[in-house]
Amino acid sequence: MTQPDERVLAYPIPAPDALSPPAEWAELRNRCPVSKAKLPSGDEVSLLTRYADVKSVLSDPRFGRKLDEPDAARISDTDSGGLFNSEMASALPQGGEAHQRWRRMLNRWFTAKRMAALRPEIEAMAERLVDEMVASGAPADLKAAFGFPLPVWVICDMLGVPTADRDRFSRWSDMFLNLTRYSEQEFKTAETEFFAYMAEHIAAKKAQPGDDLLSELITATDVEGERMSDRALAATGLGLLIAGHETTANMIGKMVAMLLSDRARWERLLADRSLIRSAVEEALRFDANSGLGMVRYLYEDVEVAGTALPRGTTVMCSMASANRDDTAFDGADDMDLTRTPNPHLAFGTGAHSCLGQSLARTELQVALEVLLRRLPTLELAVPADELRRLEGLVVGGLSEVPVRW
């Protein structure tokens, strides 16, 4: 049994450019798979970078994501309850059978049949956004004009939120996931505003249900015959917004930037559209700018990669580093659009894997399909190494994705 390396890395680890991985990842995987890292809050975590270790910890039901324990690491100074804000964390079960019952209620909405039915509407939204971007002329910021609005439209549509309120949801999403731009008071104010809005919205849906997820959840029951409380319904809306907007919005921009940074990738997809699904999966795996990773709190002593980790340790799992592990993926540092199978960990794994991953995949596939069809001459308007990371977000992203066609 070994002890962790005593070096303390600043986390997130700086990278040479917006699309490249930190050089330290390979060294950590090879020599120090369990290392110490300091978060923006100043708190320390144990950082895992190998595929096998990350998958093992994320799959282990003994390790929870309920981070309001007194000794749990805080992500930032404005983060008083771990990665998830305290109101949402307290309103929804964060582990165990209660969490699984909650997931099963939502899983009914995220079936393959539901996603297939939703696909034409997502495609229509994407088409409208391309129309507007083309009408405004090149160059354009693909992220602002296309990648950012598409997922919030989808989430708002699923929750039955009026079109006029989409901008409010975009603002709330940014505030809940930004580590540095907003103060703790601004964060709490936004949280209060969101729950007040959802209280009125839920009341309206009870009075006049629609064909949306929220209306269905209001009357749905779990396996024990229990319905969600209004507070849990509102927190579910917040969870879907956090998980389903900012992550996918940023991934659309990063995916297109990755494909355009090497023109041969884009040309290959133009020549063979059947590769779109595997290309989306490979973009998810290859993404070196995916954000912080997933945290877990150890409720008992454990050994990881020969290192003893005591109870009370907060572990940061770097899925992005794990996805570049050459013991799990042949040619891990190459973007292979035909890679299959592709068991990447971009959506996590185990009991807390991303609930909306089928929706995210659908949105990414549709976004790529529409862009390839409508804008085959699309290209970056700046050199790839001049793209800038968006700093301060829990999820990784680019400040903008300048394109022309």
Protein backbone atom coordinates (compact mmCIF):
# COMPACT_ATOMS: atom_id res chain seq x y z
CA MET A 1 0.00 0.00 0.00
CA THR A 2 1.36 3.42 -0.98
CA GLN A 3 0.69 6.96 0.12
CA PRO A 4 -0.41 9.73 -2.27
CA ASP A 5 2.22 11.95 -3.87
CA GLU A 6 2.70 14.95 -1.59
CA ARG A 7 2.60 17.49 -4.42
CA VAL A 8 -0.60 19.56 -4.47
CA LEU A 9 -1.75 20.48 -7.97
CA ALA A 10 -3.87 23.54 -8.72
CA TYR A 11 -7.14 22.23 -10.11
CA PRO A 12 -8.40 22.46 -12.81
CA ILE A 13 -4.93 21.79 -14.28
CA PRO A 14 -3.98 24.39 -16.94
CA ALA A 15 -3.82 23.18 -20.55
CA PRO A 16 -1.71 24.49 -23.45
CA ASP A 17 -4.79 25.49 -25.45
CA ALA A 18 -8.57 25.18 -25.39
CA LEU A 19 -8.78 21.83 -27.18
CA SER A 20 -5.69 20.08 -25.81
CA PRO A 21 -5.25 18.07 -22.60
CA PRO A 22 -2.91 19.15 -19.80
CA ALA A 23 0.51 17.55 -20.21
CA GLU A 24 0.31 16.38 -16.58
CA TRP A 25 -2.52 13.91 -17.29
CA ALA A 26 -0.26 11.28 -18.87
CA GLU A 27 2.31 11.63 -16.08
CA LEU A 28 -0.35 11.32 -13.39
CA ARG A 29 -1.90 8.24 -14.98
CA ASN A 30 1.51 6.57 -15.31
CA ARG A 31 3.19 7.59 -12.06
CA CYS A 32 0.69 9.09 -9.64
CA PRO A 33 -2.88 7.94 -10.31
CA VAL A 34 -4.00 9.23 -6.89
CA SER A 35 -2.74 12.75 -6.35
CA LYS A 36 -3.61 15.79 -4.26
CA ALA A 37 -5.31 18.76 -5.89
CA LYS A 38 -6.50 22.13 -4.62
CA LEU A 39 -9.88 23.39 -5.82
CA PRO A 40 -10.80 27.07 -6.44
CA SER A 41 -12.15 27.15 -2.87
CA GLY A 42 -8.72 26.24 -1.47
CA ASP A 43 -10.00 22.85 -0.27
CA GLU A 44 -8.06 19.72 -1.20
CA VAL A 45 -9.30 16.59 -2.93
CA SER A 46 -7.75 13.31 -4.03
CA LEU A 47 -7.59 13.36 -7.83
CA LEU A 48 -8.09 10.16 -9.85
CA THR A 49 -6.94 10.11 -13.47
CA ARG A 50 -6.87 6.45 -14.60
CA TYR A 51 -9.82 4.90 -16.43
CA ALA A 52 -10.08 1.82 -14.22
CA ASP A 53 -9.93 3.82 -10.98
CA VAL A 54 -12.42 6.47 -12.10
CA LYS A 55 -14.87 3.84 -13.33
CA SER A 56 -14.49 1.81 -10.13
CA VAL A 57 -15.12 4.74 -7.78
CA LEU A 58 -18.04 6.14 -9.78
CA SER A 59 -19.64 2.68 -9.86
CA ASP A 60 -19.17 2.00 -6.13
CA PRO A 61 -22.45 2.54 -4.21
CA ARG A 62 -20.48 3.11 -0.99
CA PHE A 63 -19.31 6.51 -2.25
CA GLY A 64 -21.86 9.30 -2.36
CA ARG A 65 -22.19 12.68 -3.99
CA LYS A 66 -24.00 14.21 -1.00
CA LEU A 67 -21.37 16.79 -0.19
CA ASP A 68 -22.85 18.67 2.73
CA GLU A 69 -20.77 16.75 5.26
CA PRO A 70 -18.76 19.22 7.41
CA ASP A 71 -15.45 17.89 6.12
CA ALA A 72 -16.44 17.59 2.45
CA ALA A 73 -14.47 19.75 0.03
CA ARG A 74 -16.20 22.78 -1.42
CA ILE A 75 -15.75 23.47 -5.11
CA SER A 76 -15.60 27.25 -4.74
CA ASP A 77 -16.08 29.92 -2.10
CA THR A 78 -19.70 30.38 -3.20
CA ASP A 79 -20.35 26.65 -3.01
CA SER A 80 -21.60 25.92 0.49
CA GLY A 81 -22.89 22.42 -0.20
CA GLY A 82 -20.59 20.80 -2.69
CA LEU A 83 -21.11 20.63 -6.41
CA PHE A 84 -24.90 20.82 -6.12
CA ASN A 85 -26.61 23.81 -4.57
CA SER A 86 -28.05 23.21 -1.14
CA GLU A 87 -31.71 23.73 -2.06
CA MET A 88 -31.65 21.15 -4.83
CA ALA A 89 -29.54 18.74 -2.79
CA SER A 90 -31.93 18.90 0.15
CA ALA A 91 -35.07 18.61 -2.00
CA LEU A 92 -33.98 15.52 -3.93
CA PRO A 93 -32.64 12.19 -2.62
CA GLN A 94 -28.92 12.08 -3.34
CA GLY A 95 -28.37 8.36 -2.93
CA GLY A 96 -29.74 4.95 -2.09
CA GLU A 97 -33.08 3.47 -3.06
CA ALA A 98 -34.91 6.82 -2.79
CA HIS A 99 -32.61 8.29 -5.45
CA GLN A 100 -33.19 5.28 -7.69
CA ARG A 101 -36.98 5.65 -7.35
CA TRP A 102 -36.66 9.30 -8.38
CA ARG A 103 -34.48 8.35 -11.38
CA ARG A 104 -36.95 5.67 -12.46
CA MET A 105 -39.77 8.24 -12.53
CA LEU A 106 -37.73 10.42 -14.88
CA ASN A 107 -36.39 7.52 -16.93
CA ARG A 108 -39.88 7.01 -18.32
CA TRP A 109 -39.40 10.26 -20.21
CA PHE A 110 -35.89 9.54 -21.52
CA THR A 111 -36.67 6.33 -23.42
CA ALA A 112 -35.51 5.67 -26.98
CA LYS A 113 -39.12 5.99 -28.13
CA ARG A 114 -39.48 9.41 -26.48
CA MET A 115 -36.20 10.63 -27.95
CA ALA A 116 -37.24 9.47 -31.43
CA ALA A 117 -40.49 11.41 -31.06
CA LEU A 118 -38.62 14.50 -29.87
CA ARG A 119 -36.01 14.38 -32.64
CA PRO A 120 -38.05 16.15 -35.39
CA GLU A 121 -38.78 19.04 -33.04
CA ILE A 122 -35.10 19.38 -32.08
CA GLU A 123 -34.23 19.32 -35.78
CA ALA A 124 -36.77 22.07 -36.51
CA MET A 125 -35.28 24.19 -33.71
CA ALA A 126 -31.78 23.66 -35.12
CA GLU A 127 -32.93 24.60 -38.61
CA ARG A 128 -34.43 27.87 -37.34
CA LEU A 129 -31.22 28.74 -35.53
CA VAL A 130 -29.15 28.12 -38.66
CA ASP A 131 -31.57 30.29 -40.65
CA GLU A 132 -31.09 33.13 -38.19
CA MET A 133 -27.31 32.71 -38.11
CA VAL A 134 -27.06 32.72 -41.92
CA ALA A 135 -29.33 35.75 -42.14
CA SER A 136 -27.02 37.65 -39.77
CA GLY A 137 -24.04 36.77 -41.94
CA ALA A 138 -20.54 35.41 -41.43
CA PRO A 139 -18.44 35.38 -39.40
CA ALA A 140 -20.62 34.24 -36.50
CA ASP A 141 -20.16 32.82 -33.04
CA LEU A 142 -21.52 29.29 -33.41
CA LYS A 143 -21.79 28.90 -29.66
CA ALA A 144 -23.90 32.01 -29.10
CA ALA A 145 -25.99 31.67 -32.26
CA PHE A 146 -26.54 27.91 -32.28
CA GLY A 147 -24.95 25.83 -29.52
CA PHE A 148 -26.19 27.84 -26.55
CA PRO A 149 -29.85 28.44 -27.46
CA LEU A 150 -30.65 24.96 -28.79
CA PRO A 151 -30.44 22.98 -25.51
CA VAL A 152 -32.26 25.63 -23.46
CA TRP A 153 -35.07 25.59 -26.01
CA VAL A 154 -35.27 21.82 -25.61
CA ILE A 155 -35.25 21.89 -21.79
CA CYS A 156 -37.83 24.67 -21.67
CA ASP A 157 -39.99 22.75 -24.13
CA MET A 158 -39.74 19.61 -21.99
CA LEU A 159 -40.75 21.56 -18.88
CA GLY A 160 -43.54 23.40 -20.70
CA VAL A 161 -41.85 26.77 -20.12
CA PRO A 162 -43.10 29.59 -22.40
CA THR A 163 -40.81 30.82 -25.17
CA ALA A 164 -40.67 34.25 -23.57
CA ASP A 165 -38.95 32.82 -20.47
CA ARG A 166 -36.09 31.03 -22.24
CA ASP A 167 -33.63 33.87 -21.65
CA ARG A 168 -34.29 33.70 -17.91
CA PHE A 169 -33.49 29.99 -17.92
CA SER A 170 -30.27 30.65 -19.84
CA ARG A 171 -29.19 33.23 -17.24
CA TRP A 172 -30.03 30.94 -14.32
CA SER A 173 -28.10 28.07 -15.90
CA ASP A 174 -24.99 30.22 -16.23
CA MET A 175 -25.25 31.47 -12.65
CA PHE A 176 -25.70 28.03 -11.11
CA LEU A 177 -22.66 26.55 -12.88
CA ASN A 178 -20.19 29.45 -12.78
CA LEU A 179 -17.56 29.24 -10.06
CA THR A 180 -16.06 32.72 -10.30
CA ARG A 181 -18.33 35.24 -12.01
CA TYR A 182 -21.02 35.58 -9.33
CA SER A 183 -20.98 36.16 -5.59
CA GLU A 184 -22.60 33.80 -3.10
CA GLN A 185 -25.41 36.34 -2.63
CA GLU A 186 -26.04 36.53 -6.38
CA PHE A 187 -26.11 32.74 -6.50
CA LYS A 188 -28.64 32.53 -3.65
CA THR A 189 -30.78 35.26 -5.21
CA ALA A 190 -30.88 33.37 -8.50
CA GLU A 191 -31.78 30.18 -6.64
CA THR A 192 -34.64 31.95 -4.85
CA GLU A 193 -35.87 33.43 -8.14
CA PHE A 194 -35.80 30.04 -9.85
CA PHE A 195 -37.77 28.25 -7.13
CA ALA A 196 -40.32 31.08 -6.98
CA TYR A 197 -40.76 30.86 -10.75
CA MET A 198 -41.13 27.08 -10.63
CA ALA A 199 -43.71 27.29 -7.83
CA GLU A 200 -45.93 29.46 -10.04
CA HIS A 201 -45.22 27.32 -13.10
CA ILE A 202 -46.12 24.08 -11.27
CA ALA A 203 -49.36 25.63 -10.00
CA ALA A 204 -50.22 26.65 -13.58
CA LYS A 205 -49.49 23.15 -14.86
CA LYS A 206 -51.70 21.62 -12.18
CA ALA A 207 -54.53 23.87 -13.29
CA GLN A 208 -53.91 23.32 -17.00
CA PRO A 209 -51.67 20.33 -17.77
CA GLY A 210 -49.80 20.16 -21.06
CA ASP A 211 -47.93 17.58 -23.08
CA ASP A 212 -44.67 18.01 -21.18
CA LEU A 213 -42.50 16.27 -18.62
CA LEU A 214 -43.52 18.50 -15.72
CA SER A 215 -47.24 17.90 -16.28
CA GLU A 216 -46.57 14.17 -16.35
CA LEU A 217 -44.46 14.22 -13.17
CA ILE A 218 -47.15 16.14 -11.26
CA THR A 219 -49.48 13.14 -11.47
CA ALA A 220 -46.88 10.35 -11.68
CA THR A 221 -46.20 8.03 -8.75
CA ASP A 222 -43.18 5.94 -7.87
CA VAL A 223 -43.20 2.22 -7.12
CA GLU A 224 -44.47 2.94 -3.61
CA GLY A 225 -47.36 5.02 -4.93
CA GLU A 226 -45.84 8.33 -3.80
CA ARG A 227 -46.00 11.54 -5.82
CA MET A 228 -43.28 14.18 -5.93
CA SER A 229 -43.78 17.19 -3.69
CA ASP A 230 -43.89 20.62 -5.32
CA ARG A 231 -40.43 21.31 -3.91
CA ALA A 232 -39.07 18.10 -5.43
CA LEU A 233 -40.72 18.97 -8.76
CA ALA A 234 -39.03 22.38 -8.75
CA ALA A 235 -35.69 20.85 -7.79
CA THR A 236 -36.09 18.31 -10.61
CA GLY A 237 -36.58 21.20 -13.02
CA LEU A 238 -33.39 22.77 -11.69
CA GLY A 239 -31.51 19.49 -12.02
CA LEU A 240 -32.61 19.12 -15.63
CA LEU A 241 -31.61 22.71 -16.39
CA ILE A 242 -28.16 22.32 -14.82
CA ALA A 243 -27.49 18.91 -16.34
CA GLY A 244 -29.18 19.46 -19.67
CA HIS A 245 -28.37 22.97 -20.79
CA GLU A 246 -24.87 24.23 -20.09
CA THR A 247 -23.18 20.88 -20.63
CA THR A 248 -24.78 20.22 -24.02
CA ALA A 249 -24.52 23.87 -25.12
CA ASN A 250 -20.79 23.85 -24.54
CA MET A 251 -20.35 20.38 -26.03
CA ILE A 252 -21.94 21.43 -29.33
CA GLY A 253 -19.36 24.20 -29.69
CA LYS A 254 -16.45 22.00 -28.64
CA MET A 255 -17.53 19.14 -30.89
CA VAL A 256 -17.71 21.37 -33.96
CA ALA A 257 -14.39 23.03 -33.06
CA MET A 258 -12.70 19.62 -32.72
CA LEU A 259 -14.03 18.51 -36.09
CA LEU A 260 -13.08 21.75 -37.85
CA SER A 261 -9.63 21.98 -36.23
CA ASP A 262 -8.59 19.19 -38.60
CA ARG A 263 -10.50 19.74 -41.85
CA ALA A 264 -10.12 16.08 -42.82
CA ARG A 265 -12.50 15.15 -39.99
CA TRP A 266 -15.27 17.43 -41.29
CA GLU A 267 -14.71 16.28 -44.88
CA ARG A 268 -14.97 12.65 -43.82
CA LEU A 269 -18.36 13.27 -42.22
CA LEU A 270 -19.54 15.14 -45.31
CA ALA A 271 -18.60 12.08 -47.34
CA ASP A 272 -20.15 9.55 -44.94
CA ARG A 273 -23.04 10.74 -42.75
CA SER A 274 -23.37 7.24 -41.27
CA LEU A 275 -20.39 8.16 -39.07
CA ILE A 276 -22.32 10.90 -37.22
CA ARG A 277 -23.25 8.69 -34.25
CA SER A 278 -19.74 7.33 -33.72
CA ALA A 279 -18.29 10.83 -34.31
CA VAL A 280 -20.46 12.23 -31.51
CA GLU A 281 -19.31 9.47 -29.14
CA GLU A 282 -15.68 10.09 -30.08
CA ALA A 283 -16.06 13.85 -29.54
CA LEU A 284 -17.41 13.10 -26.06
CA ARG A 285 -14.43 10.84 -25.34
CA PHE A 286 -11.84 13.12 -26.92
CA ASP A 287 -13.04 16.28 -25.13
CA ALA A 288 -10.08 17.51 -23.09
CA ASN A 289 -12.00 20.54 -21.82
CA SER A 290 -14.88 18.87 -20.02
CA GLY A 291 -14.71 20.71 -16.71
CA LEU A 292 -13.98 19.63 -13.17
CA GLY A 293 -15.09 16.00 -13.24
CA MET A 294 -17.28 14.19 -10.71
CA VAL A 295 -16.81 14.33 -6.97
CA ARG A 296 -17.42 11.56 -4.47
CA TYR A 297 -17.30 11.58 -0.67
CA LEU A 298 -15.85 8.49 1.03
CA TYR A 299 -17.97 7.20 3.89
CA GLU A 300 -15.40 4.55 4.77
CA ASP A 301 -11.68 3.84 4.35
CA VAL A 302 -10.78 2.56 0.92
CA GLU A 303 -7.75 1.68 -1.16
CA VAL A 304 -7.48 3.01 -4.73
CA ALA A 305 -4.54 2.14 -7.00
CA GLY A 306 -2.59 0.95 -3.96
CA THR A 307 -3.18 4.21 -2.09
CA ALA A 308 -4.99 4.34 1.26
CA LEU A 309 -7.78 6.95 1.32
CA PRO A 310 -9.41 7.50 4.70
CA ARG A 311 -13.06 8.07 5.45
CA GLY A 312 -13.97 11.73 4.91
CA THR A 313 -11.85 12.11 1.77
CA THR A 314 -13.41 13.99 -1.14
CA VAL A 315 -12.38 12.37 -4.41
CA MET A 316 -12.35 14.17 -7.77
CA CYS A 317 -12.76 11.78 -10.71
CA SER A 318 -11.34 13.20 -13.94
CA MET A 319 -13.42 11.51 -16.63
CA ALA A 320 -11.61 13.50 -19.32
CA SER A 321 -8.23 12.12 -18.25
CA ALA A 322 -9.70 8.63 -17.92
CA ASN A 323 -11.01 8.92 -21.48
CA ARG A 324 -7.44 9.53 -22.70
CA ASP A 325 -6.08 6.43 -20.91
CA ASP A 326 -4.25 4.29 -23.46
CA THR A 327 -4.82 1.18 -21.36
CA ALA A 328 -8.54 1.56 -22.07
CA PHE A 329 -8.49 3.01 -25.61
CA ASP A 330 -6.18 2.16 -28.50
CA GLY A 331 -4.71 5.35 -29.89
CA ALA A 332 -6.27 7.30 -27.04
CA ASP A 333 -4.72 10.60 -28.16
CA ASP A 334 -6.10 10.26 -31.69
CA MET A 335 -9.62 11.31 -32.65
CA ASP A 336 -10.99 8.27 -34.47
CA LEU A 337 -14.45 8.97 -35.91
CA THR A 338 -15.04 5.24 -36.48
CA ARG A 339 -14.15 4.13 -32.95
CA THR A 340 -16.46 1.39 -31.75
CA PRO A 341 -17.08 0.23 -29.14
CA ASN A 342 -16.44 3.45 -27.27
CA PRO A 343 -17.00 2.93 -23.53
CA HIS A 344 -16.08 6.50 -22.57
CA LEU A 345 -16.99 7.97 -19.20
CA ALA A 346 -18.19 11.39 -20.39
CA PHE A 347 -21.61 10.74 -18.83
CA GLY A 348 -20.18 9.05 -15.74
CA THR A 349 -21.18 5.51 -14.84
CA GLY A 350 -23.05 3.65 -12.14
CA ALA A 351 -26.06 4.80 -10.14
CA HIS A 352 -25.35 8.49 -10.74
CA SER A 353 -24.56 8.39 -14.46
CA CYS A 354 -26.11 11.23 -16.42
CA LEU A 355 -29.89 10.80 -16.45
CA GLY A 356 -30.30 12.79 -19.67
CA GLN A 357 -27.53 11.22 -21.71
CA SER A 358 -29.97 9.92 -24.33
CA LEU A 359 -31.28 13.47 -24.77
CA ALA A 360 -27.76 14.91 -24.97
CA ARG A 361 -26.78 12.34 -27.60
CA THR A 362 -29.89 13.15 -29.61
CA GLU A 363 -29.20 16.89 -29.49
CA LEU A 364 -25.54 16.45 -30.47
CA GLN A 365 -26.40 14.13 -33.35
CA VAL A 366 -29.11 16.44 -34.66
CA ALA A 367 -26.90 19.51 -34.32
CA LEU A 368 -24.16 17.82 -36.36
CA GLU A 369 -26.60 16.49 -38.96
CA VAL A 370 -28.14 19.93 -39.54
CA LEU A 371 -24.80 21.76 -39.69
CA LEU A 372 -23.33 19.26 -42.17
CA ARG A 373 -26.40 19.51 -44.39
CA ARG A 374 -26.93 23.26 -44.21
CA LEU A 375 -23.35 24.53 -43.93
CA PRO A 376 -21.01 22.03 -45.64
CA THR A 377 -18.36 24.75 -46.13
CA LEU A 378 -18.31 25.61 -42.43
CA GLU A 379 -14.85 26.42 -41.09
CA LEU A 380 -13.24 28.08 -38.08
CA ALA A 381 -12.77 31.81 -38.52
CA VAL A 382 -9.67 31.78 -36.29
CA PRO A 383 -6.82 29.28 -35.92
CA ALA A 384 -7.76 26.45 -33.57
CA ASP A 385 -4.97 27.34 -31.14
CA GLU A 386 -6.52 30.80 -30.71
CA LEU A 387 -9.80 29.44 -29.35
CA ARG A 388 -10.18 30.40 -25.70
CA ARG A 389 -11.42 28.34 -22.79
CA LEU A 390 -14.37 29.65 -20.85
CA GLU A 391 -12.99 30.00 -17.35
CA GLY A 392 -14.92 29.46 -14.14
CA LEU A 393 -17.55 26.94 -15.23
CA VAL A 394 -18.07 23.59 -13.52
CA VAL A 395 -18.45 22.23 -17.05
CA GLY A 396 -15.77 23.02 -19.62
CA GLY A 397 -16.41 25.19 -22.63
CA LEU A 398 -15.12 27.70 -25.15
CA SER A 399 -15.66 31.44 -24.81
CA GLU A 400 -16.78 31.56 -28.42
CA VAL A 401 -16.55 29.48 -31.58
CA PRO A 402 -15.98 31.93 -34.48
CA VAL A 403 -17.00 30.36 -37.81
CA ARG A 404 -17.63 31.28 -41.43
CA TRP A 405 -19.05 29.42 -44.41
